[in-house]
Amino acid sequence: MALQELSAPLIPVMDNITVMPLIGTIDTERAKLIMENLLEGAMKHNSQVILIDITGVPIVDTMVAHHIIQAAEAVRLIGATCILVGIRPEIAQTIVNLGIDLSNFPTKSSLRKGFKTALSLTNREIVDLNTSREEDITKILDSLK
């Protein structure tokens, strides 16, 4: 079972945000494992947002997309949101050509963009402390005029 868990790991990266990096081919058996790990991990880690990273998945066909959509829908039913990230241009083209509907499933081209969205969904943001300090000082100085 340990090897199977590694084929669909769920990694907590912040409170309420987890990442599932997927690498390699996804068949029906692995798709079932992905769904199980997503659901169990979402509960275990108290996830609000799960980023499913398909950067390492070489081919996304109708079956793979269907399984990922089902897993995301199951996660939604337990109160979390999945974001599909790592969509390369050739994968995007395949998804469109196959007529796969991802309109109810947030997607981002990179893990970085997905993580920024996850932060927003959990009411957090990335703040540049240097810029923030300058703005605060400017506001204070302006208020003294």
Protein backbone atom coordinates (compact mmCIF):
# COMPACT_ATOMS: atom_id res chain seq x y z
CA MET A 1 0.00 0.00 0.00
CA ALA A 2 2.89 2.42 0.70
CA LEU A 3 3.96 2.34 -2.96
CA GLN A 4 0.38 2.97 -4.07
CA GLU A 5 0.13 5.98 -1.75
CA LEU A 6 3.25 7.43 -3.36
CA SER A 7 1.57 7.23 -6.77
CA ALA A 8 -1.00 9.82 -5.62
CA PRO A 9 0.48 11.71 -2.65
CA LEU A 10 -1.31 14.56 -0.93
CA ILE A 11 1.11 17.11 0.52
CA PRO A 12 -0.04 19.81 2.96
CA VAL A 13 1.83 23.02 2.07
CA MET A 14 -0.02 25.49 4.32
CA ASP A 15 -2.98 25.39 6.67
CA ASN A 16 -5.97 24.38 4.54
CA ILE A 17 -3.96 24.11 1.28
CA THR A 18 -2.64 20.82 -0.08
CA VAL A 19 -1.02 19.73 -3.33
CA MET A 20 -1.35 16.43 -5.17
CA PRO A 21 1.45 16.18 -7.75
CA LEU A 22 0.64 13.54 -10.35
CA ILE A 23 3.42 12.00 -12.44
CA GLY A 24 3.15 9.36 -15.12
CA THR A 25 0.27 7.61 -16.80
CA ILE A 26 -3.12 7.47 -15.10
CA ASP A 27 -5.12 4.29 -15.60
CA THR A 28 -8.45 3.31 -14.05
CA GLU A 29 -6.85 1.69 -10.99
CA ARG A 30 -4.67 4.70 -10.29
CA ALA A 31 -7.62 7.04 -10.85
CA LYS A 32 -9.52 5.22 -8.08
CA LEU A 33 -6.52 5.62 -5.80
CA ILE A 34 -6.32 9.33 -6.63
CA MET A 35 -9.96 9.79 -5.62
CA GLU A 36 -9.51 7.84 -2.38
CA ASN A 37 -6.37 9.77 -1.44
CA LEU A 38 -8.00 13.10 -2.31
CA LEU A 39 -11.03 12.41 -0.12
CA GLU A 40 -9.10 10.93 2.80
CA GLY A 41 -6.40 13.60 2.59
CA ALA A 42 -8.88 16.46 2.37
CA MET A 43 -10.45 15.32 5.62
CA LYS A 44 -7.17 14.43 7.34
CA HIS A 45 -5.48 17.75 6.50
CA ASN A 46 -8.64 19.87 6.85
CA SER A 47 -8.09 21.09 3.29
CA GLN A 48 -10.09 23.95 1.87
CA VAL A 49 -8.17 23.92 -1.41
CA ILE A 50 -6.39 21.05 -3.15
CA LEU A 51 -4.13 21.74 -6.12
CA ILE A 52 -4.00 18.77 -8.50
CA ASP A 53 -0.76 19.24 -10.45
CA ILE A 54 -0.73 17.38 -13.78
CA THR A 55 2.58 18.82 -15.00
CA GLY A 56 4.07 15.31 -14.95
CA VAL A 57 1.16 13.56 -16.67
CA PRO A 58 2.23 12.96 -20.29
CA ILE A 59 -1.22 12.34 -21.79
CA VAL A 60 -4.66 13.52 -20.74
CA ASP A 61 -7.35 11.64 -22.62
CA THR A 62 -11.10 11.53 -22.05
CA MET A 63 -10.80 8.81 -19.41
CA VAL A 64 -8.11 10.64 -17.41
CA ALA A 65 -10.01 13.93 -17.55
CA HIS A 66 -13.24 12.19 -16.54
CA HIS A 67 -11.59 10.60 -13.49
CA ILE A 68 -9.98 13.89 -12.42
CA ILE A 69 -13.32 15.72 -12.78
CA GLN A 70 -15.08 13.00 -10.74
CA ALA A 71 -12.46 13.26 -8.00
CA ALA A 72 -12.77 17.05 -7.91
CA GLU A 73 -16.56 16.79 -7.71
CA ALA A 74 -16.32 14.32 -4.82
CA VAL A 75 -13.97 16.70 -2.99
CA ARG A 76 -16.41 19.56 -3.60
CA LEU A 77 -19.16 17.51 -1.94
CA ILE A 78 -17.11 17.34 1.27
CA GLY A 79 -16.57 21.10 1.28
CA ALA A 80 -13.21 21.64 -0.43
CA THR A 81 -12.20 23.06 -3.81
CA CYS A 82 -9.86 21.43 -6.32
CA ILE A 83 -7.82 23.48 -8.76
CA LEU A 84 -6.26 21.71 -11.74
CA VAL A 85 -2.76 23.12 -12.33
CA GLY A 86 0.16 22.40 -14.64
CA ILE A 87 -1.84 22.44 -17.85
CA ARG A 88 0.67 22.60 -20.68
CA PRO A 89 -0.42 24.07 -24.05
CA GLU A 90 -0.57 20.63 -25.72
CA ILE A 91 -2.72 19.28 -22.88
CA ALA A 92 -5.03 22.32 -23.12
CA GLN A 93 -5.38 21.72 -26.86
CA THR A 94 -6.18 18.03 -26.31
CA ILE A 95 -8.82 18.87 -23.68
CA VAL A 96 -10.48 21.35 -26.05
CA ASN A 97 -10.30 18.97 -29.04
CA LEU A 98 -11.88 16.18 -26.98
CA GLY A 99 -14.71 18.51 -25.96
CA ILE A 100 -14.05 17.99 -22.25
CA ASP A 101 -15.97 20.49 -20.12
CA LEU A 102 -13.86 21.89 -17.29
CA SER A 103 -16.04 24.98 -16.79
CA ASN A 104 -17.01 23.95 -13.23
CA PHE A 105 -13.42 23.14 -12.32
CA PRO A 106 -10.90 25.97 -11.77
CA THR A 107 -7.75 25.55 -13.86
CA LYS A 108 -4.37 27.31 -13.92
CA SER A 109 -1.39 26.86 -16.21
CA SER A 110 1.13 26.60 -13.37
CA LEU A 111 1.40 25.56 -9.75
CA ARG A 112 2.45 29.12 -8.87
CA LYS A 113 -0.74 30.61 -10.34
CA GLY A 114 -2.83 27.91 -8.68
CA PHE A 115 -1.19 28.56 -5.33
CA LYS A 116 -1.95 32.28 -5.64
CA THR A 117 -5.60 31.40 -6.28
CA ALA A 118 -5.58 28.98 -3.33
CA LEU A 119 -4.29 31.76 -1.07
CA SER A 120 -7.08 34.03 -2.26
CA LEU A 121 -9.71 31.32 -1.64
CA THR A 122 -8.40 30.94 1.92
CA ASN A 123 -8.43 34.73 2.46
CA ARG A 124 -4.65 35.12 2.29
CA GLU A 125 -2.28 36.87 -0.04
CA ILE A 126 1.41 37.20 -0.78
CA VAL A 127 2.73 40.51 0.51
CA ASP A 128 6.04 42.06 -0.49
CA LEU A 129 7.24 43.36 2.87
CA ASN A 130 9.64 45.87 1.30
CA THR A 131 6.93 47.47 -0.85
CA SER A 132 4.42 47.28 1.99
CA ARG A 133 6.74 49.15 4.35
CA GLU A 134 7.35 51.91 1.80
CA GLU A 135 3.61 52.34 1.27
CA ASP A 136 2.99 52.44 5.03
CA ILE A 137 5.71 55.06 5.54
CA THR A 138 4.31 57.13 2.65
CA LYS A 139 0.80 57.00 4.17
CA ILE A 140 2.12 58.07 7.57
CA LEU A 141 4.11 60.95 6.08
CA ASP A 142 1.14 62.05 3.96
CA SER A 143 -1.10 62.06 7.04
CA LEU A 144 1.30 64.45 8.79
CA LYS A 145 1.02 67.12 6.07
